């Protein structure tokens, strides 16, 4: 039972990360820089974005974290 719950949670995080990557207004190069520390791995991220290559749970967490930080910055500017 616990394994199913963990697998479901991992899938939810992966799905959310993939949905976030679909936001056209935010370049994947910036997400790539945050995720891998280099913009040179953009093709790797695009393969994961399109489903050609599987997205790992750790990558999904970092992607969600990136967008969370971005949302915090936007909120700070709006609430000044």
PDB file of N, CA and C in Angstrom:
ATOM      1  N   UNK A   1       0.834  -1.197   0.000  1.00  0.00           N
ATOM      2  CA  UNK A   1       0.000   0.000   0.000  1.00  0.00           C
ATOM      3  C   UNK A   1       0.872   1.250   0.000  1.00  0.00           C
ATOM      4  N   UNK A   2       1.893   1.274   0.860  1.00  0.00           N
ATOM      5  CA  UNK A   2       2.749   2.444   0.962  1.00  0.00           C
ATOM      6  C   UNK A   2       3.516   2.687  -0.348  1.00  0.00           C
ATOM      7  N   UNK A   3       3.936   1.614  -1.010  1.00  0.00           N
ATOM      8  CA  UNK A   3       4.661   1.728  -2.273  1.00  0.00           C
ATOM      9  C   UNK A   3       3.781   2.350  -3.347  1.00  0.00           C
ATOM     10  N   UNK A   4       2.507   1.960  -3.389  1.00  0.00           N
ATOM     11  CA  UNK A   4       1.582   2.538  -4.364  1.00  0.00           C
ATOM     12  C   UNK A   4       1.406   4.036  -4.130  1.00  0.00           C
ATOM     13  N   UNK A   5       1.320   4.424  -2.870  1.00  0.00           N
ATOM     14  CA  UNK A   5       1.140   5.833  -2.534  1.00  0.00           C
ATOM     15  C   UNK A   5       2.361   6.643  -2.969  1.00  0.00           C
ATOM     16  N   UNK A   6       3.558   6.096  -2.738  1.00  0.00           N
ATOM     17  CA  UNK A   6       4.789   6.786  -3.124  1.00  0.00           C
ATOM     18  C   UNK A   6       4.868   6.889  -4.642  1.00  0.00           C
ATOM     19  N   UNK A   7       4.550   5.816  -5.344  1.00  0.00           N
ATOM     20  CA  UNK A   7       4.585   5.831  -6.806  1.00  0.00           C
ATOM     21  C   UNK A   7       3.605   6.856  -7.357  1.00  0.00           C
ATOM     22  N   UNK A   8       2.430   6.930  -6.771  1.00  0.00           N
ATOM     23  CA  UNK A   8       1.422   7.897  -7.205  1.00  0.00           C
ATOM     24  C   UNK A   8       1.905   9.326  -6.956  1.00  0.00           C
ATOM     25  N   UNK A   9       2.524   9.555  -5.807  1.00  0.00           N
ATOM     26  CA  UNK A   9       3.052  10.876  -5.480  1.00  0.00           C
ATOM     27  C   UNK A   9       4.150  11.262  -6.461  1.00  0.00           C
ATOM     28  N   UNK A  10       5.030  10.322  -6.774  1.00  0.00           N
ATOM     29  CA  UNK A  10       6.100  10.597  -7.737  1.00  0.00           C
ATOM     30  C   UNK A  10       5.509  10.953  -9.099  1.00  0.00           C
ATOM     31  N   UNK A  11       4.500  10.210  -9.529  1.00  0.00           N
ATOM     32  CA  UNK A  11       3.861  10.489 -10.815  1.00  0.00           C
ATOM     33  C   UNK A  11       3.191  11.858 -10.806  1.00  0.00           C
ATOM     34  N   UNK A  12       2.562  12.224  -9.696  1.00  0.00           N
ATOM     35  CA  UNK A  12       1.921  13.546  -9.599  1.00  0.00           C
ATOM     36  C   UNK A  12       2.950  14.662  -9.738  1.00  0.00           C
ATOM     37  N   UNK A  13       4.083  14.523  -9.059  1.00  0.00           N
ATOM     38  CA  UNK A  13       5.128  15.529  -9.155  1.00  0.00           C
ATOM     39  C   UNK A  13       5.672  15.608 -10.579  1.00  0.00           C
ATOM     40  N   UNK A  14       5.876  14.468 -11.208  1.00  0.00           N
ATOM     41  CA  UNK A  14       6.392  14.454 -12.582  1.00  0.00           C
ATOM     42  C   UNK A  14       5.405  15.122 -13.532  1.00  0.00           C
ATOM     43  N   UNK A  15       4.124  14.817 -13.381  1.00  0.00           N
ATOM     44  CA  UNK A  15       3.105  15.421 -14.240  1.00  0.00           C
ATOM     45  C   UNK A  15       3.040  16.933 -14.050  1.00  0.00           C
ATOM     46  N   UNK A  16       3.131  17.382 -12.815  1.00  0.00           N
ATOM     47  CA  UNK A  16       3.105  18.826 -12.556  1.00  0.00           C
ATOM     48  C   UNK A  16       4.325  19.506 -13.151  1.00  0.00           C
ATOM     49  N   UNK A  17       5.489  18.884 -13.016  1.00  0.00           N
ATOM     50  CA  UNK A  17       6.709  19.460 -13.579  1.00  0.00           C
ATOM     51  C   UNK A  17       6.601  19.554 -15.097  1.00  0.00           C
ATOM     52  N   UNK A  18       6.076  18.522 -15.724  1.00  0.00           N
ATOM     53  CA  UNK A  18       5.928  18.548 -17.183  1.00  0.00           C
ATOM     54  C   UNK A  18       4.936  19.629 -17.620  1.00  0.00           C
ATOM     55  N   UNK A  19       3.882  19.822 -16.851  1.00  0.00           N
ATOM     56  CA  UNK A  19       2.922  20.882 -17.166  1.00  0.00           C
ATOM     57  C   UNK A  19       3.570  22.258 -17.022  1.00  0.00           C
ATOM     58  N   UNK A  20       4.391  22.431 -16.002  1.00  0.00           N
ATOM     59  CA  UNK A  20       5.081  23.703 -15.816  1.00  0.00           C
ATOM     60  C   UNK A  20       6.032  23.987 -16.972  1.00  0.00           C
ATOM     61  N   UNK A  21       6.680  22.966 -17.484  1.00  0.00           N
ATOM     62  CA  UNK A  21       7.595  23.148 -18.606  1.00  0.00           C
ATOM     63  C   UNK A  21       6.875  23.574 -19.875  1.00  0.00           C
ATOM     64  N   UNK A  22       5.569  23.380 -19.925  1.00  0.00           N
ATOM     65  CA  UNK A  22       4.795  23.751 -21.110  1.00  0.00           C
ATOM     66  C   UNK A  22       4.453  25.243 -21.155  1.00  0.00           C
ATOM     67  N   UNK A  23       4.763  25.999 -20.099  1.00  0.00           N
ATOM     68  CA  UNK A  23       4.495  27.435 -20.090  1.00  0.00           C
ATOM     69  C   UNK A  23       5.444  28.094 -21.083  1.00  0.00           C
ATOM     70  N   UNK A  24       4.898  28.580 -22.176  1.00  0.00           N
ATOM     71  CA  UNK A  24       5.710  29.101 -23.277  1.00  0.00           C
ATOM     72  C   UNK A  24       6.460  30.385 -22.919  1.00  0.00           C
ATOM     73  N   UNK A  25       5.929  31.149 -22.003  1.00  0.00           N
ATOM     74  CA  UNK A  25       6.526  32.443 -21.674  1.00  0.00           C
ATOM     75  C   UNK A  25       7.819  32.330 -20.870  1.00  0.00           C
ATOM     76  N   UNK A  26       8.092  31.169 -20.330  1.00  0.00           N
ATOM     77  CA  UNK A  26       9.319  30.980 -19.545  1.00  0.00           C
ATOM     78  C   UNK A  26      10.257  30.075 -20.342  1.00  0.00           C
ATOM     79  N   UNK A  27      11.392  30.630 -20.773  1.00  0.00           N
ATOM     80  CA  UNK A  27      12.312  29.839 -21.598  1.00  0.00           C
ATOM     81  C   UNK A  27      12.873  28.628 -20.856  1.00  0.00           C
ATOM     82  N   UNK A  28      12.932  27.509 -21.550  1.00  0.00           N
ATOM     83  CA  UNK A  28      13.460  26.301 -20.927  1.00  0.00           C
ATOM     84  C   UNK A  28      14.960  26.419 -20.665  1.00  0.00           C
ATOM     85  N   UNK A  29      15.617  27.384 -21.331  1.00  0.00           N
ATOM     86  CA  UNK A  29      17.055  27.546 -21.072  1.00  0.00           C
ATOM     87  C   UNK A  29      17.292  27.969 -19.626  1.00  0.00           C
ATOM     88  N   UNK A  30      16.423  28.792 -19.078  1.00  0.00           N
ATOM     89  CA  UNK A  30      16.568  29.219 -17.689  1.00  0.00           C
ATOM     90  C   UNK A  30      16.299  28.063 -16.727  1.00  0.00           C
ATOM     91  N   UNK A  31      15.302  27.262 -17.041  1.00  0.00           N
ATOM     92  CA  UNK A  31      15.001  26.094 -16.221  1.00  0.00           C
ATOM     93  C   UNK A  31      16.171  25.111 -16.302  1.00  0.00           C
ATOM     94  N   UNK A  32      16.721  24.949 -17.491  1.00  0.00           N
ATOM     95  CA  UNK A  32      17.859  24.057 -17.710  1.00  0.00           C
ATOM     96  C   UNK A  32      19.062  24.501 -16.886  1.00  0.00           C
ATOM     97  N   UNK A  33      19.313  25.780 -16.851  1.00  0.00           N
ATOM     98  CA  UNK A  33      20.437  26.319 -16.080  1.00  0.00           C
ATOM     99  C   UNK A  33      20.258  25.989 -14.595  1.00  0.00           C
ATOM    100  N   UNK A  34      19.052  26.152 -14.092  1.00  0.00           N
ATOM    101  CA  UNK A  34      18.763  25.857 -12.685  1.00  0.00           C
ATOM    102  C   UNK A  34      18.875  24.355 -12.411  1.00  0.00           C
ATOM    103  N   UNK A  35      18.364  23.562 -13.323  1.00  0.00           N
ATOM    104  CA  UNK A  35      18.295  22.117 -13.132  1.00  0.00           C
ATOM    105  C   UNK A  35      19.646  21.426 -13.273  1.00  0.00           C
ATOM    106  N   UNK A  36      20.378  21.771 -14.329  1.00  0.00           N
ATOM    107  CA  UNK A  36      21.624  21.075 -14.630  1.00  0.00           C
ATOM    108  C   UNK A  36      22.876  21.921 -14.412  1.00  0.00           C
ATOM    109  N   UNK A  37      22.709  23.226 -14.182  1.00  0.00           N
ATOM    110  CA  UNK A  37      23.861  24.096 -13.991  1.00  0.00           C
ATOM    111  C   UNK A  37      24.504  24.521 -15.292  1.00  0.00           C
ATOM    112  N   UNK A  38      23.858  24.224 -16.404  1.00  0.00           N
ATOM    113  CA  UNK A  38      24.395  24.574 -17.713  1.00  0.00           C
ATOM    114  C   UNK A  38      23.249  24.681 -18.716  1.00  0.00           C
ATOM    115  N   UNK A  39      23.354  25.640 -19.601  1.00  0.00           N
ATOM    116  CA  UNK A  39      22.349  25.779 -20.653  1.00  0.00           C
ATOM    117  C   UNK A  39      22.619  24.817 -21.808  1.00  0.00           C
ATOM    118  N   UNK A  40      23.766  24.151 -21.777  1.00  0.00           N
ATOM    119  CA  UNK A  40      24.137  23.232 -22.848  1.00  0.00           C
ATOM    120  C   UNK A  40      23.295  21.958 -22.852  1.00  0.00           C
ATOM    121  N   UNK A  41      22.616  21.679 -21.768  1.00  0.00           N
ATOM    122  CA  UNK A  41      21.795  20.463 -21.676  1.00  0.00           C
ATOM    123  C   UNK A  41      20.338  20.725 -22.046  1.00  0.00           C
ATOM    124  N   UNK A  42      20.098  21.793 -22.804  1.00  0.00           N
ATOM    125  CA  UNK A  42      18.734  22.146 -23.168  1.00  0.00           C
ATOM    126  C   UNK A  42      18.065  21.028 -23.965  1.00  0.00           C
ATOM    127  N   UNK A  43      18.820  20.357 -24.833  1.00  0.00           N
ATOM    128  CA  UNK A  43      18.230  19.271 -25.618  1.00  0.00           C
ATOM    129  C   UNK A  43      17.787  18.124 -24.710  1.00  0.00           C
ATOM    130  N   UNK A  44      18.536  17.869 -23.648  1.00  0.00           N
ATOM    131  CA  UNK A  44      18.158  16.830 -22.682  1.00  0.00           C
ATOM    132  C   UNK A  44      16.831  17.184 -22.031  1.00  0.00           C
ATOM    133  N   UNK A  45      16.690  18.440 -21.622  1.00  0.00           N
ATOM    134  CA  UNK A  45      15.452  18.882 -20.990  1.00  0.00           C
ATOM    135  C   UNK A  45      14.296  18.847 -21.992  1.00  0.00           C
ATOM    136  N   UNK A  46      14.550  19.242 -23.228  1.00  0.00           N
ATOM    137  CA  UNK A  46      13.487  19.207 -24.239  1.00  0.00           C
ATOM    138  C   UNK A  46      13.039  17.785 -24.532  1.00  0.00           C
ATOM    139  N   UNK A  47      13.955  16.824 -24.474  1.00  0.00           N
ATOM    140  CA  UNK A  47      13.576  15.422 -24.660  1.00  0.00           C
ATOM    141  C   UNK A  47      12.673  14.967 -23.527  1.00  0.00           C
ATOM    142  N   UNK A  48      12.951  15.412 -22.338  1.00  0.00           N
ATOM    143  CA  UNK A  48      12.111  15.061 -21.190  1.00  0.00           C
ATOM    144  C   UNK A  48      10.763  15.772 -21.293  1.00  0.00           C
ATOM    145  N   UNK A  49      10.798  16.997 -21.770  1.00  0.00           N
ATOM    146  CA  UNK A  49       9.583  17.805 -21.925  1.00  0.00           C
ATOM    147  C   UNK A  49       8.625  17.166 -22.933  1.00  0.00           C
ATOM    148  N   UNK A  50       9.175  16.609 -24.003  1.00  0.00           N
ATOM    149  CA  UNK A  50       8.340  16.007 -25.045  1.00  0.00           C
ATOM    150  C   UNK A  50       8.008  14.544 -24.778  1.00  0.00           C
ATOM    151  N   UNK A  51       8.619  13.955 -23.750  1.00  0.00           N
ATOM    152  CA  UNK A  51       8.339  12.573 -23.410  1.00  0.00           C
ATOM    153  C   UNK A  51       9.248  11.580 -24.108  1.00  0.00           C
ATOM    154  N   UNK A  52      10.213  12.066 -24.885  1.00  0.00           N
ATOM    155  CA  UNK A  52      11.161  11.180 -25.562  1.00  0.00           C
ATOM    156  C   UNK A  52      12.034  10.458 -24.545  1.00  0.00           C
ATOM    157  N   UNK A  53      12.374  11.155 -23.487  1.00  0.00           N
ATOM    158  CA  UNK A  53      13.206  10.607 -22.421  1.00  0.00           C
ATOM    159  C   UNK A  53      12.427  10.749 -21.109  1.00  0.00           C
ATOM    160  N   UNK A  54      12.528   9.782 -20.203  1.00  0.00           N
ATOM    161  CA  UNK A  54      11.750   9.870 -18.959  1.00  0.00           C
ATOM    162  C   UNK A  54      12.278  10.946 -18.001  1.00  0.00           C
ATOM    163  N   UNK A  55      11.367  11.632 -17.364  1.00  0.00           N
ATOM    164  CA  UNK A  55      11.705  12.631 -16.361  1.00  0.00           C
ATOM    165  C   UNK A  55      11.884  11.931 -15.024  1.00  0.00           C
ATOM    166  N   UNK A  56      13.006  12.151 -14.378  1.00  0.00           N
ATOM    167  CA  UNK A  56      13.275  11.539 -13.084  1.00  0.00           C
ATOM    168  C   UNK A  56      12.593  12.335 -11.976  1.00  0.00           C
ATOM    169  N   UNK A  57      12.309  11.666 -10.876  1.00  0.00           N
ATOM    170  CA  UNK A  57      11.638  12.317  -9.756  1.00  0.00           C
ATOM    171  C   UNK A  57      12.456  13.496  -9.228  1.00  0.00           C
ATOM    172  N   UNK A  58      13.768  13.320  -9.081  1.00  0.00           N
ATOM    173  CA  UNK A  58      14.632  14.395  -8.571  1.00  0.00           C
ATOM    174  C   UNK A  58      14.603  15.603  -9.508  1.00  0.00           C
ATOM    175  N   UNK A  59      14.546  15.357 -10.809  1.00  0.00           N
ATOM    176  CA  UNK A  59      14.463  16.457 -11.774  1.00  0.00           C
ATOM    177  C   UNK A  59      13.122  17.167 -11.646  1.00  0.00           C
ATOM    178  N   UNK A  60      12.058  16.406 -11.474  1.00  0.00           N
ATOM    179  CA  UNK A  60      10.729  17.002 -11.323  1.00  0.00           C
ATOM    180  C   UNK A  60      10.681  17.914 -10.105  1.00  0.00           C
ATOM    181  N   UNK A  61      11.276  17.484  -9.014  1.00  0.00           N
ATOM    182  CA  UNK A  61      11.304  18.300  -7.796  1.00  0.00           C
ATOM    183  C   UNK A  61      12.047  19.607  -8.051  1.00  0.00           C
ATOM    184  N   UNK A  62      13.193  19.537  -8.731  1.00  0.00           N
ATOM    185  CA  UNK A  62      13.978  20.753  -9.019  1.00  0.00           C
ATOM    186  C   UNK A  62      13.214  21.695  -9.948  1.00  0.00           C
ATOM    187  N   UNK A  63      12.480  21.149 -10.907  1.00  0.00           N
ATOM    188  CA  UNK A  63      11.693  21.974 -11.827  1.00  0.00           C
ATOM    189  C   UNK A  63      10.594  22.698 -11.053  1.00  0.00           C
ATOM    190  N   UNK A  64       9.888  21.975 -10.211  1.00  0.00           N
ATOM    191  CA  UNK A  64       8.831  22.593  -9.397  1.00  0.00           C
ATOM    192  C   UNK A  64       9.432  23.646  -8.474  1.00  0.00           C
ATOM    193  N   UNK A  65      10.579  23.366  -7.913  1.00  0.00           N
ATOM    194  CA  UNK A  65      11.278  24.311  -7.047  1.00  0.00           C
ATOM    195  C   UNK A  65      11.634  25.590  -7.808  1.00  0.00           C
ATOM    196  N   UNK A  66      12.106  25.444  -9.041  1.00  0.00           N
ATOM    197  CA  UNK A  66      12.445  26.613  -9.866  1.00  0.00           C
ATOM    198  C   UNK A  66      11.221  27.505 -10.063  1.00  0.00           C
ATOM    199  N   UNK A  67      10.119  26.904 -10.461  1.00  0.00           N
ATOM    200  CA  UNK A  67       8.908  27.691 -10.694  1.00  0.00           C
ATOM    201  C   UNK A  67       8.364  28.280  -9.396  1.00  0.00           C
ATOM    202  N   UNK A  68       8.549  27.590  -8.289  1.00  0.00           N
ATOM    203  CA  UNK A  68       8.142  28.129  -6.992  1.00  0.00           C
ATOM    204  C   UNK A  68       8.935  29.374  -6.631  1.00  0.00           C
ATOM    205  N   UNK A  69      10.262  29.325  -6.860  1.00  0.00           N
ATOM    206  CA  UNK A  69      11.100  30.503  -6.606  1.00  0.00           C
ATOM    207  C   UNK A  69      10.698  31.658  -7.521  1.00  0.00           C
ATOM    208  N   UNK A  70      10.398  31.335  -8.756  1.00  0.00           N
ATOM    209  CA  UNK A  70       9.974  32.360  -9.707  1.00  0.00           C
ATOM    210  C   UNK A  70       8.657  32.999  -9.262  1.00  0.00           C
ATOM    211  N   UNK A  71       7.737  32.187  -8.790  1.00  0.00           N
ATOM    212  CA  UNK A  71       6.455  32.699  -8.298  1.00  0.00           C
ATOM    213  C   UNK A  71       6.660  33.604  -7.087  1.00  0.00           C
ATOM    214  N   UNK A  72       7.580  33.235  -6.200  1.00  0.00           N
ATOM    215  CA  UNK A  72       7.887  34.074  -5.034  1.00  0.00           C
ATOM    216  C   UNK A  72       8.432  35.426  -5.455  1.00  0.00           C
ATOM    217  N   UNK A  73       9.306  35.433  -6.462  1.00  0.00           N
ATOM    218  CA  UNK A  73       9.872  36.707  -6.953  1.00  0.00           C
ATOM    219  C   UNK A  73       8.778  37.593  -7.549  1.00  0.00           C
ATOM    220  N   UNK A  74       7.868  36.988  -8.295  1.00  0.00           N
ATOM    221  CA  UNK A  74       6.762  37.746  -8.889  1.00  0.00           C
ATOM    222  C   UNK A  74       5.884  38.324  -7.784  1.00  0.00           C
ATOM    223  N   UNK A  75       5.561  37.524  -6.782  1.00  0.00           N
ATOM    224  CA  UNK A  75       4.735  37.990  -5.661  1.00  0.00           C
ATOM    225  C   UNK A  75       5.413  39.157  -4.924  1.00  0.00           C
ATOM    226  N   UNK A  76       6.731  39.054  -4.716  1.00  0.00           N
ATOM    227  CA  UNK A  76       7.456  40.127  -4.034  1.00  0.00           C
ATOM    228  C   UNK A  76       7.361  41.437  -4.794  1.00  0.00           C
ATOM    229  N   UNK A  77       7.499  41.369  -6.105  1.00  0.00           N
ATOM    230  CA  UNK A  77       7.431  42.580  -6.934  1.00  0.00           C
ATOM    231  C   UNK A  77       6.023  43.160  -6.912  1.00  0.00           C
ATOM    232  N   UNK A  78       5.034  42.319  -7.040  1.00  0.00           N
ATOM    233  CA  UNK A  78       3.638  42.783  -7.057  1.00  0.00           C
ATOM    234  C   UNK A  78       3.243  43.395  -5.715  1.00  0.00           C
ATOM    235  N   UNK A  79       3.733  42.827  -4.644  1.00  0.00           N
ATOM    236  CA  UNK A  79       3.345  43.280  -3.295  1.00  0.00           C
ATOM    237  C   UNK A  79       4.221  44.372  -2.719  1.00  0.00           C
ATOM    238  N   UNK A  80       5.132  44.917  -3.500  1.00  0.00           N
ATOM    239  CA  UNK A  80       5.977  46.019  -2.998  1.00  0.00           C
ATOM    240  C   UNK A  80       5.154  47.247  -2.692  1.00  0.00           C
TER     241      UNK A  80
END
